[in-house]
């Protein structure tokens, strides 16, 4: 399947919501918890 790698860099701890789109079509969305 598809794989996404996220660099944390300076993200603070918390819950982040994301949406991945291809042009105007939403492909996936969800949340990431950063500890």
PDB file of N, CA and C in Angstrom:
ATOM      1  N   UNK A   1       0.828  -1.209   0.000  1.00  0.00           N
ATOM      2  CA  UNK A   1       0.000   0.000   0.000  1.00  0.00           C
ATOM      3  C   UNK A   1       0.854   1.246   0.000  1.00  0.00           C
ATOM      4  N   UNK A   2       0.191   2.360   0.121  1.00  0.00           N
ATOM      5  CA  UNK A   2       0.903   3.634   0.159  1.00  0.00           C
ATOM      6  C   UNK A   2       1.498   3.859   1.533  1.00  0.00           C
ATOM      7  N   UNK A   3       2.626   4.553   1.540  1.00  0.00           N
ATOM      8  CA  UNK A   3       3.307   4.811   2.807  1.00  0.00           C
ATOM      9  C   UNK A   3       3.642   6.287   2.899  1.00  0.00           C
ATOM     10  N   UNK A   4       3.488   6.834   4.091  1.00  0.00           N
ATOM     11  CA  UNK A   4       3.774   8.247   4.329  1.00  0.00           C
ATOM     12  C   UNK A   4       4.710   8.353   5.514  1.00  0.00           C
ATOM     13  N   UNK A   5       5.825   9.052   5.306  1.00  0.00           N
ATOM     14  CA  UNK A   5       6.764   9.261   6.405  1.00  0.00           C
ATOM     15  C   UNK A   5       6.703  10.718   6.812  1.00  0.00           C
ATOM     16  N   UNK A   6       6.595  10.938   8.115  1.00  0.00           N
ATOM     17  CA  UNK A   6       6.448  12.294   8.634  1.00  0.00           C
ATOM     18  C   UNK A   6       7.651  12.638   9.499  1.00  0.00           C
ATOM     19  N   UNK A   7       8.314  13.745   9.170  1.00  0.00           N
ATOM     20  CA  UNK A   7       9.419  14.225   9.989  1.00  0.00           C
ATOM     21  C   UNK A   7       8.845  15.084  11.102  1.00  0.00           C
ATOM     22  N   UNK A   8       9.176  14.766  12.342  1.00  0.00           N
ATOM     23  CA  UNK A   8       8.596  15.510  13.466  1.00  0.00           C
ATOM     24  C   UNK A   8       9.130  16.936  13.527  1.00  0.00           C
ATOM     25  N   UNK A   9      10.424  17.121  13.268  1.00  0.00           N
ATOM     26  CA  UNK A   9      11.051  18.438  13.351  1.00  0.00           C
ATOM     27  C   UNK A   9      10.701  19.098  14.678  1.00  0.00           C
ATOM     28  N   UNK A  10      10.037  20.244  14.653  1.00  0.00           N
ATOM     29  CA  UNK A  10       9.757  20.979  15.891  1.00  0.00           C
ATOM     30  C   UNK A  10       8.292  20.911  16.300  1.00  0.00           C
ATOM     31  N   UNK A  11       7.584  19.886  15.849  1.00  0.00           N
ATOM     32  CA  UNK A  11       6.181  19.754  16.247  1.00  0.00           C
ATOM     33  C   UNK A  11       6.083  19.539  17.748  1.00  0.00           C
ATOM     34  N   UNK A  12       5.201  20.272  18.371  1.00  0.00           N
ATOM     35  CA  UNK A  12       4.963  20.085  19.798  1.00  0.00           C
ATOM     36  C   UNK A  12       4.054  18.881  20.003  1.00  0.00           C
ATOM     37  N   UNK A  13       4.079  18.345  21.221  1.00  0.00           N
ATOM     38  CA  UNK A  13       3.192  17.231  21.549  1.00  0.00           C
ATOM     39  C   UNK A  13       1.742  17.675  21.418  1.00  0.00           C
ATOM     40  N   UNK A  14       0.911  16.776  20.954  1.00  0.00           N
ATOM     41  CA  UNK A  14      -0.497  17.103  20.808  1.00  0.00           C
ATOM     42  C   UNK A  14      -1.135  16.235  19.749  1.00  0.00           C
ATOM     43  N   UNK A  15      -2.337  16.597  19.367  1.00  0.00           N
ATOM     44  CA  UNK A  15      -3.084  15.859  18.357  1.00  0.00           C
ATOM     45  C   UNK A  15      -3.178  16.726  17.108  1.00  0.00           C
ATOM     46  N   UNK A  16      -2.777  16.159  15.987  1.00  0.00           N
ATOM     47  CA  UNK A  16      -2.807  16.881  14.721  1.00  0.00           C
ATOM     48  C   UNK A  16      -3.756  16.171  13.770  1.00  0.00           C
ATOM     49  N   UNK A  17      -4.594  16.957  13.106  1.00  0.00           N
ATOM     50  CA  UNK A  17      -5.509  16.392  12.126  1.00  0.00           C
ATOM     51  C   UNK A  17      -4.950  16.659  10.738  1.00  0.00           C
ATOM     52  N   UNK A  18      -5.091  15.682   9.856  1.00  0.00           N
ATOM     53  CA  UNK A  18      -4.558  15.842   8.508  1.00  0.00           C
ATOM     54  C   UNK A  18      -5.584  15.411   7.477  1.00  0.00           C
ATOM     55  N   UNK A  19      -5.413  15.937   6.268  1.00  0.00           N
ATOM     56  CA  UNK A  19      -6.214  15.491   5.131  1.00  0.00           C
ATOM     57  C   UNK A  19      -5.296  15.404   3.929  1.00  0.00           C
ATOM     58  N   UNK A  20      -5.321  14.274   3.251  1.00  0.00           N
ATOM     59  CA  UNK A  20      -4.528  14.077   2.046  1.00  0.00           C
ATOM     60  C   UNK A  20      -5.478  14.146   0.865  1.00  0.00           C
ATOM     61  N   UNK A  21      -5.135  14.990  -0.106  1.00  0.00           N
ATOM     62  CA  UNK A  21      -6.003  15.104  -1.275  1.00  0.00           C
ATOM     63  C   UNK A  21      -5.194  14.988  -2.558  1.00  0.00           C
ATOM     64  N   UNK A  22      -5.871  14.544  -3.606  1.00  0.00           N
ATOM     65  CA  UNK A  22      -5.269  14.419  -4.923  1.00  0.00           C
ATOM     66  C   UNK A  22      -6.054  15.349  -5.826  1.00  0.00           C
ATOM     67  N   UNK A  23      -5.498  16.510  -6.109  1.00  0.00           N
ATOM     68  CA  UNK A  23      -6.267  17.518  -6.824  1.00  0.00           C
ATOM     69  C   UNK A  23      -7.354  18.012  -5.898  1.00  0.00           C
ATOM     70  N   UNK A  24      -8.607  17.820  -6.229  1.00  0.00           N
ATOM     71  CA  UNK A  24      -9.697  18.256  -5.371  1.00  0.00           C
ATOM     72  C   UNK A  24     -10.341  17.109  -4.629  1.00  0.00           C
ATOM     73  N   UNK A  25      -9.838  15.898  -4.853  1.00  0.00           N
ATOM     74  CA  UNK A  25     -10.468  14.719  -4.265  1.00  0.00           C
ATOM     75  C   UNK A  25      -9.772  14.314  -2.976  1.00  0.00           C
ATOM     76  N   UNK A  26     -10.515  14.275  -1.885  1.00  0.00           N
ATOM     77  CA  UNK A  26      -9.944  13.837  -0.614  1.00  0.00           C
ATOM     78  C   UNK A  26      -9.694  12.335  -0.672  1.00  0.00           C
ATOM     79  N   UNK A  27      -8.472  11.931  -0.377  1.00  0.00           N
ATOM     80  CA  UNK A  27      -8.113  10.518  -0.410  1.00  0.00           C
ATOM     81  C   UNK A  27      -8.201   9.917   0.979  1.00  0.00           C
ATOM     82  N   UNK A  28      -7.685  10.641   1.956  1.00  0.00           N
ATOM     83  CA  UNK A  28      -7.628  10.098   3.304  1.00  0.00           C
ATOM     84  C   UNK A  28      -7.568  11.238   4.296  1.00  0.00           C
ATOM     85  N   UNK A  29      -8.039  10.994   5.494  1.00  0.00           N
ATOM     86  CA  UNK A  29      -7.924  11.972   6.566  1.00  0.00           C
ATOM     87  C   UNK A  29      -7.897  11.222   7.887  1.00  0.00           C
ATOM     88  N   UNK A  30      -7.413  11.889   8.904  1.00  0.00           N
ATOM     89  CA  UNK A  30      -7.344  11.246  10.207  1.00  0.00           C
ATOM     90  C   UNK A  30      -6.588  12.126  11.166  1.00  0.00           C
ATOM     91  N   UNK A  31      -6.068  11.509  12.220  1.00  0.00           N
ATOM     92  CA  UNK A  31      -5.324  12.286  13.194  1.00  0.00           C
ATOM     93  C   UNK A  31      -4.056  11.558  13.585  1.00  0.00           C
ATOM     94  N   UNK A  32      -3.073  12.343  13.982  1.00  0.00           N
ATOM     95  CA  UNK A  32      -1.795  11.816  14.436  1.00  0.00           C
ATOM     96  C   UNK A  32      -1.574  12.339  15.843  1.00  0.00           C
ATOM     97  N   UNK A  33      -1.213  11.446  16.758  1.00  0.00           N
ATOM     98  CA  UNK A  33      -0.912  11.859  18.127  1.00  0.00           C
ATOM     99  C   UNK A  33       0.603  11.896  18.280  1.00  0.00           C
ATOM    100  N   UNK A  34       1.136  13.061  18.642  1.00  0.00           N
ATOM    101  CA  UNK A  34       2.572  13.230  18.851  1.00  0.00           C
ATOM    102  C   UNK A  34       2.830  13.291  20.347  1.00  0.00           C
ATOM    103  N   UNK A  35       3.641  12.367  20.850  1.00  0.00           N
ATOM    104  CA  UNK A  35       3.936  12.324  22.281  1.00  0.00           C
ATOM    105  C   UNK A  35       5.204  13.087  22.604  1.00  0.00           C
TER     106      UNK A  35
END
